[in-house]
Protein backbone atom coordinates (compact mmCIF):
# COMPACT_ATOMS: atom_id res chain seq x y z
CA MET A 1 -48.88 -72.13 6.96
CA ASN A 2 -47.22 -69.90 9.54
CA ILE A 3 -44.37 -70.99 11.84
CA SER A 4 -43.93 -68.81 14.92
CA PHE A 5 -43.03 -68.91 18.58
CA LEU A 6 -45.87 -69.93 20.86
CA THR A 7 -47.88 -67.03 22.27
CA ALA A 8 -50.58 -67.10 24.95
CA THR A 9 -53.20 -66.85 22.19
CA TYR A 10 -52.41 -70.36 20.95
CA ILE A 11 -51.90 -72.29 24.19
CA GLY A 12 -55.37 -73.89 24.05
CA GLU A 13 -54.84 -75.01 20.45
CA LEU A 14 -51.41 -76.41 21.33
CA ALA A 15 -52.99 -78.30 24.25
CA SER A 16 -55.31 -80.02 21.75
CA VAL A 17 -52.36 -81.10 19.62
CA ILE A 18 -50.57 -82.38 22.74
CA GLU A 19 -53.65 -84.43 23.68
CA GLU A 20 -53.59 -85.97 20.20
CA MET A 21 -49.87 -86.67 20.55
CA GLN A 22 -50.33 -88.50 23.85
CA ALA A 23 -53.08 -90.65 22.29
CA TYR A 24 -50.88 -91.31 19.24
CA TYR A 25 -48.07 -92.59 21.47
CA GLY A 26 -50.53 -94.50 23.68
CA VAL A 27 -49.30 -92.88 26.86
CA PHE A 28 -50.97 -91.22 29.83
CA CYS A 29 -52.45 -87.81 29.15
CA PRO A 30 -53.04 -85.37 32.01
CA SER A 31 -56.15 -83.21 32.13
CA ARG A 32 -56.47 -80.27 29.75
CA ASP A 33 -55.97 -77.91 32.71
CA ALA A 34 -52.74 -79.69 33.65
CA ILE A 35 -51.47 -79.51 30.05
CA VAL A 36 -52.20 -75.78 29.87
CA ALA A 37 -50.54 -75.21 33.25
CA GLY A 38 -47.49 -77.18 32.10
CA ILE A 39 -47.18 -75.09 28.95
CA LYS A 40 -47.54 -71.84 30.87
CA ASN A 41 -45.10 -72.90 33.60
CA ARG A 42 -42.49 -74.64 31.43
CA PRO A 43 -38.90 -74.15 32.59
CA ALA A 44 -36.95 -71.08 31.55
CA GLY A 45 -35.25 -71.71 28.23
CA ALA A 46 -37.82 -74.26 27.02
CA GLU A 47 -39.05 -72.81 23.74
CA ILE A 48 -41.92 -73.88 21.50
CA LEU A 49 -42.51 -73.22 17.83
CA VAL A 50 -46.02 -73.78 16.48
CA ALA A 51 -47.17 -74.43 12.95
CA ARG A 52 -50.54 -72.84 12.17
CA THR A 53 -52.94 -73.01 9.31
CA GLU A 54 -56.36 -71.97 10.59
CA LYS A 55 -55.28 -73.55 13.90
CA VAL A 56 -52.17 -75.07 15.48
CA VAL A 57 -51.33 -78.24 13.55
CA GLY A 58 -47.86 -79.05 14.88
CA PHE A 59 -45.11 -77.97 17.22
CA ALA A 60 -41.44 -78.25 18.02
CA ALA A 61 -40.27 -77.99 21.65
CA PHE A 62 -36.57 -77.33 22.16
CA SER A 63 -33.92 -75.85 24.45
CA ALA A 64 -30.42 -74.47 24.06
CA ILE A 65 -27.62 -76.75 25.28
CA TYR A 66 -23.93 -76.32 26.01
CA PRO A 67 -21.30 -77.62 25.48
CA GLY A 68 -21.17 -79.70 22.34
CA PRO A 69 -18.52 -80.70 19.84
CA GLY A 70 -15.78 -78.08 19.85
CA LEU A 71 -17.36 -76.61 23.00
CA GLN A 72 -20.05 -75.03 20.84
CA PRO A 73 -23.69 -74.47 21.88
CA GLY A 74 -26.65 -76.04 20.10
CA PHE A 75 -30.30 -76.91 20.43
CA PHE A 76 -31.84 -80.11 21.75
CA LEU A 77 -35.16 -80.84 20.07
CA LYS A 78 -37.28 -82.54 22.72
CA GLU A 79 -40.45 -83.02 20.70
CA LEU A 80 -41.59 -82.61 17.12
CA TYR A 81 -45.21 -83.51 16.47
CA VAL A 82 -47.57 -82.90 13.56
CA ALA A 83 -51.30 -83.55 13.78
CA ASN A 84 -52.26 -86.72 11.94
CA SER A 85 -54.53 -84.75 9.59
CA GLU A 86 -51.55 -82.64 8.45
CA ARG A 87 -48.89 -85.32 7.91
CA GLY A 88 -47.36 -85.35 4.46
CA LYS A 89 -47.99 -81.62 4.00
CA GLN A 90 -44.43 -80.47 4.88
CA VAL A 91 -45.45 -79.21 8.34
CA GLY A 92 -42.66 -81.13 10.08
CA GLU A 93 -40.15 -80.00 7.47
CA ALA A 94 -41.23 -76.36 7.92
CA LEU A 95 -40.85 -76.63 11.72
CA MET A 96 -37.40 -78.19 11.38
CA ALA A 97 -36.31 -75.60 8.79
CA ARG A 98 -37.39 -72.76 11.09
CA LEU A 99 -35.60 -74.39 14.04
CA ALA A 100 -32.44 -74.69 11.92
CA ALA A 101 -32.76 -71.04 10.89
CA ILE A 102 -33.09 -69.94 14.51
CA ALA A 103 -30.00 -71.99 15.41
CA VAL A 104 -28.02 -70.28 12.66
CA GLU A 105 -29.38 -66.83 13.62
CA ARG A 106 -28.24 -67.40 17.21
CA GLY A 107 -24.81 -68.68 16.21
CA LEU A 108 -25.47 -72.24 17.39
CA SER A 109 -23.57 -75.12 15.82
CA ARG A 110 -26.10 -77.95 15.75
CA VAL A 111 -29.53 -79.39 16.52
CA ASP A 112 -29.65 -82.74 18.35
CA TRP A 113 -32.67 -84.98 18.93
CA THR A 114 -33.71 -88.55 19.56
CA ALA A 115 -36.07 -90.77 17.58
CA SER A 116 -37.76 -94.08 18.20
CA ARG A 117 -35.60 -96.95 16.97
CA THR A 118 -38.62 -98.66 15.42
CA ASN A 119 -40.26 -95.79 13.53
CA GLU A 120 -38.83 -96.22 10.02
CA ASN A 121 -41.01 -93.42 8.59
CA LEU A 122 -39.47 -91.06 11.11
CA HIS A 123 -35.95 -92.20 10.22
CA ARG A 124 -36.64 -91.57 6.53
CA PHE A 125 -38.11 -88.14 7.33
CA TYR A 126 -35.08 -87.04 9.36
CA GLY A 127 -32.75 -88.53 6.73
CA ARG A 128 -34.43 -86.47 3.98
CA LEU A 129 -33.75 -83.36 6.07
CA GLY A 130 -30.06 -84.24 6.25
CA GLY A 131 -30.11 -85.59 9.80
CA GLU A 132 -27.44 -88.17 10.56
CA GLN A 133 -27.89 -91.02 13.02
CA LYS A 134 -25.15 -90.99 15.61
CA ASP A 135 -24.48 -94.55 16.66
CA ASP A 136 -21.77 -93.54 19.13
CA ARG A 137 -24.39 -92.34 21.66
CA ILE A 138 -26.97 -94.13 23.79
CA PHE A 139 -29.96 -92.29 25.21
CA TYR A 140 -30.47 -92.57 28.99
CA ARG A 141 -33.27 -91.39 31.25
CA LEU A 142 -33.43 -91.05 35.03
CA GLU A 143 -36.99 -90.76 36.35
CA GLY A 144 -39.46 -91.81 39.03
CA GLU A 145 -38.15 -93.74 42.01
CA LYS A 146 -34.64 -93.94 40.57
CA LEU A 147 -34.55 -90.17 40.18
CA GLN A 148 -35.75 -89.77 43.76
CA ALA A 149 -33.17 -92.28 45.04
CA LEU A 150 -30.28 -90.51 43.34
CA ALA A 151 -31.55 -87.12 44.50
CA ALA A 152 -31.60 -88.38 48.08
CA ARG A 153 -27.86 -89.05 47.79
CA GLY A 154 -27.25 -85.38 46.98
């Protein structure tokens, strides 16, 4: 298995994994063309690592954030997904280890992420990696009409 930054060569393969992810979560999935366009036009600073065997089998999407504890920078892991056929083969662990290595190489102090409250397998996975649940934080999201309403006040 090879863990590397996404290149144009692998965008189509990543799109396939993203389609699987959307089905896994049971949420809307845009067209393949829209997925590819989204990957190509992602915001500056949004980085993607891919795990490849003979094809892309998983990915980690993340961005640098500042400030954090002690006014130090870190990464926010937005998405970690491994194809169902590859689960249990240390793909997720390899992606997280590479992300941690990149954070250390760049002098960043931490990696933050969220996880579903109800996915116990995911909690065990992150716990095995050394991740600690932080109960002093609550995740919020502003989207859709509420995002538009607040934007109109600006």
